[in-house]
């Protein structure tokens, strides 16, 4: 399992946090460790989950990834 901390632009409230959790939760094989304003920490199997699918989920929630650590 790979662990990433994703910095997310545009999040500023609890609703934003819930929107990101909801979209990330739709990705099979991804485990959400934590979502806070401005960032998310996730674990995933790189064989099952692509970076593009994570980016799409964040975009679908209405936000943009700034950096991935």
N, C-alpha and C. Protein backbone atom coordinates (compact mmCIF):
# COMPACT_ATOMS: atom_id res chain seq x y z
N UNK A 1 0.85 -1.19 0.00
CA UNK A 1 0.00 0.00 0.00
C UNK A 1 0.89 1.24 0.00
N UNK A 2 0.54 2.17 -0.83
CA UNK A 2 1.24 3.44 -0.89
C UNK A 2 0.44 4.46 -0.10
N UNK A 3 1.13 5.32 0.64
CA UNK A 3 0.47 6.39 1.40
C UNK A 3 0.86 7.72 0.78
N UNK A 4 -0.13 8.58 0.56
CA UNK A 4 0.13 9.91 0.02
C UNK A 4 -0.62 10.96 0.84
N UNK A 5 0.02 12.12 0.97
CA UNK A 5 -0.67 13.28 1.51
C UNK A 5 -0.88 14.22 0.33
N UNK A 6 -2.12 14.58 0.10
CA UNK A 6 -2.50 15.38 -1.06
C UNK A 6 -2.89 16.77 -0.56
N UNK A 7 -2.20 17.79 -1.06
CA UNK A 7 -2.54 19.17 -0.71
C UNK A 7 -3.56 19.65 -1.73
N UNK A 8 -4.67 20.21 -1.22
CA UNK A 8 -5.81 20.55 -2.07
C UNK A 8 -6.14 22.04 -1.95
N UNK A 9 -6.27 22.68 -3.09
CA UNK A 9 -6.57 24.11 -3.14
C UNK A 9 -8.07 24.34 -3.14
N UNK A 10 -8.51 25.35 -2.40
CA UNK A 10 -9.90 25.78 -2.45
C UNK A 10 -10.79 25.29 -1.33
N UNK A 11 -10.31 24.38 -0.51
CA UNK A 11 -11.12 23.87 0.60
C UNK A 11 -11.10 24.89 1.73
N UNK A 12 -12.28 25.21 2.30
CA UNK A 12 -12.30 26.17 3.40
C UNK A 12 -13.36 25.92 4.45
N UNK A 13 -14.03 24.75 4.40
CA UNK A 13 -15.07 24.49 5.40
C UNK A 13 -15.34 22.99 5.51
N UNK A 14 -16.18 22.65 6.45
CA UNK A 14 -16.54 21.26 6.67
C UNK A 14 -17.25 20.64 5.48
N UNK A 15 -18.03 21.45 4.76
CA UNK A 15 -18.71 20.94 3.58
C UNK A 15 -17.68 20.50 2.53
N UNK A 16 -16.62 21.28 2.39
CA UNK A 16 -15.55 20.94 1.45
C UNK A 16 -14.92 19.60 1.83
N UNK A 17 -14.67 19.41 3.11
CA UNK A 17 -14.09 18.16 3.61
C UNK A 17 -15.01 16.99 3.26
N UNK A 18 -16.29 17.14 3.50
CA UNK A 18 -17.24 16.07 3.21
C UNK A 18 -17.33 15.78 1.71
N UNK A 19 -17.26 16.81 0.87
CA UNK A 19 -17.32 16.61 -0.58
C UNK A 19 -16.12 15.80 -1.06
N UNK A 20 -14.94 16.11 -0.53
CA UNK A 20 -13.73 15.37 -0.91
C UNK A 20 -13.82 13.94 -0.41
N UNK A 21 -14.24 13.74 0.84
CA UNK A 21 -14.39 12.38 1.38
C UNK A 21 -15.36 11.56 0.53
N UNK A 22 -16.46 12.17 0.13
CA UNK A 22 -17.47 11.46 -0.65
C UNK A 22 -16.89 10.99 -1.98
N UNK A 23 -16.20 11.86 -2.68
CA UNK A 23 -15.65 11.49 -3.99
C UNK A 23 -14.51 10.49 -3.86
N UNK A 24 -13.62 10.67 -2.90
CA UNK A 24 -12.53 9.70 -2.70
C UNK A 24 -13.10 8.34 -2.29
N UNK A 25 -14.18 8.35 -1.53
CA UNK A 25 -14.80 7.12 -1.07
C UNK A 25 -15.36 6.26 -2.19
N UNK A 26 -15.54 6.84 -3.36
CA UNK A 26 -16.05 6.10 -4.52
C UNK A 26 -14.97 5.27 -5.22
N UNK A 27 -13.71 5.48 -4.84
CA UNK A 27 -12.61 4.79 -5.51
C UNK A 27 -12.34 3.45 -4.82
N UNK A 28 -12.59 2.36 -5.54
CA UNK A 28 -12.34 1.02 -5.00
C UNK A 28 -10.85 0.82 -4.81
N UNK A 29 -10.46 0.33 -3.64
CA UNK A 29 -9.06 0.07 -3.36
C UNK A 29 -8.34 1.22 -2.68
N UNK A 30 -9.03 2.32 -2.43
CA UNK A 30 -8.43 3.47 -1.76
C UNK A 30 -8.98 3.56 -0.34
N UNK A 31 -8.08 3.76 0.62
CA UNK A 31 -8.47 3.91 2.02
C UNK A 31 -8.18 5.35 2.43
N UNK A 32 -9.19 6.02 2.96
CA UNK A 32 -9.04 7.40 3.41
C UNK A 32 -8.57 7.38 4.86
N UNK A 33 -7.35 7.88 5.10
CA UNK A 33 -6.85 7.98 6.47
C UNK A 33 -7.43 9.22 7.15
N UNK A 34 -7.43 10.34 6.41
CA UNK A 34 -7.89 11.60 7.00
C UNK A 34 -8.12 12.62 5.90
N UNK A 35 -9.13 13.45 6.09
CA UNK A 35 -9.35 14.60 5.21
C UNK A 35 -9.57 15.80 6.11
N UNK A 36 -8.79 16.84 5.89
CA UNK A 36 -8.90 18.09 6.62
C UNK A 36 -8.97 19.22 5.60
N UNK A 37 -9.27 20.40 6.07
CA UNK A 37 -9.28 21.55 5.16
C UNK A 37 -7.89 21.69 4.55
N UNK A 38 -7.83 21.59 3.24
CA UNK A 38 -6.58 21.78 2.52
C UNK A 38 -5.74 20.54 2.27
N UNK A 39 -6.15 19.38 2.81
CA UNK A 39 -5.34 18.19 2.55
C UNK A 39 -6.12 16.90 2.83
N UNK A 40 -5.61 15.85 2.22
CA UNK A 40 -6.15 14.51 2.45
C UNK A 40 -4.98 13.54 2.52
N UNK A 41 -5.10 12.54 3.38
CA UNK A 41 -4.10 11.48 3.48
C UNK A 41 -4.81 10.17 3.14
N UNK A 42 -4.27 9.47 2.15
CA UNK A 42 -4.90 8.25 1.66
C UNK A 42 -3.86 7.14 1.50
N UNK A 43 -4.35 5.91 1.49
CA UNK A 43 -3.54 4.73 1.20
C UNK A 43 -4.21 3.99 0.06
N UNK A 44 -3.38 3.43 -0.82
CA UNK A 44 -3.96 2.69 -1.94
C UNK A 44 -2.96 1.74 -2.54
N UNK A 45 -3.49 0.75 -3.23
CA UNK A 45 -2.69 -0.21 -3.98
C UNK A 45 -2.48 0.38 -5.36
N UNK A 46 -1.23 0.63 -5.71
CA UNK A 46 -0.92 1.28 -6.99
C UNK A 46 -1.34 0.46 -8.21
N UNK A 47 -1.57 -0.82 -8.01
CA UNK A 47 -2.03 -1.67 -9.12
C UNK A 47 -3.51 -1.41 -9.39
N UNK A 48 -4.28 -1.12 -8.34
CA UNK A 48 -5.73 -0.96 -8.47
C UNK A 48 -6.17 0.50 -8.62
N UNK A 49 -5.38 1.43 -8.09
CA UNK A 49 -5.78 2.84 -8.07
C UNK A 49 -4.72 3.68 -8.79
N UNK A 50 -5.16 4.49 -9.75
CA UNK A 50 -4.23 5.35 -10.47
C UNK A 50 -4.25 6.77 -9.88
N UNK A 51 -3.16 7.47 -10.11
CA UNK A 51 -3.10 8.87 -9.70
C UNK A 51 -4.19 9.67 -10.41
N UNK A 52 -4.46 9.32 -11.66
CA UNK A 52 -5.48 10.02 -12.43
C UNK A 52 -6.87 9.87 -11.79
N UNK A 53 -7.16 8.70 -11.23
CA UNK A 53 -8.47 8.50 -10.60
C UNK A 53 -8.60 9.35 -9.33
N UNK A 54 -7.49 9.51 -8.61
CA UNK A 54 -7.51 10.36 -7.42
C UNK A 54 -7.70 11.82 -7.83
N UNK A 55 -6.97 12.25 -8.85
CA UNK A 55 -7.10 13.62 -9.35
C UNK A 55 -8.53 13.89 -9.82
N UNK A 56 -9.12 12.92 -10.52
CA UNK A 56 -10.50 13.09 -11.01
C UNK A 56 -11.47 13.23 -9.85
N UNK A 57 -11.29 12.44 -8.80
CA UNK A 57 -12.19 12.52 -7.64
C UNK A 57 -12.10 13.89 -6.98
N UNK A 58 -10.90 14.42 -6.82
CA UNK A 58 -10.73 15.75 -6.23
C UNK A 58 -11.37 16.80 -7.13
N UNK A 59 -11.16 16.66 -8.44
CA UNK A 59 -11.76 17.58 -9.41
C UNK A 59 -13.29 17.50 -9.37
N UNK A 60 -13.81 16.28 -9.29
CA UNK A 60 -15.27 16.10 -9.22
C UNK A 60 -15.86 16.72 -7.96
N UNK A 61 -15.06 16.80 -6.90
CA UNK A 61 -15.52 17.45 -5.66
C UNK A 61 -15.46 18.97 -5.78
N UNK A 62 -14.82 19.47 -6.84
CA UNK A 62 -14.77 20.90 -7.09
C UNK A 62 -13.47 21.57 -6.66
N UNK A 63 -12.42 20.77 -6.51
CA UNK A 63 -11.15 21.31 -6.01
C UNK A 63 -10.00 20.90 -6.90
N UNK A 64 -8.81 21.43 -6.61
CA UNK A 64 -7.63 21.17 -7.43
C UNK A 64 -6.48 20.72 -6.52
N UNK A 65 -5.76 19.70 -6.99
CA UNK A 65 -4.60 19.22 -6.26
C UNK A 65 -3.44 20.22 -6.48
N UNK A 66 -2.82 20.63 -5.39
CA UNK A 66 -1.67 21.52 -5.45
C UNK A 66 -0.38 20.72 -5.46
N UNK A 67 -0.29 19.70 -4.61
CA UNK A 67 0.91 18.87 -4.52
C UNK A 67 0.56 17.53 -3.91
N UNK A 68 1.40 16.54 -4.20
CA UNK A 68 1.25 15.21 -3.63
C UNK A 68 2.57 14.85 -2.96
N UNK A 69 2.52 14.50 -1.70
CA UNK A 69 3.74 14.10 -0.97
C UNK A 69 3.65 12.64 -0.61
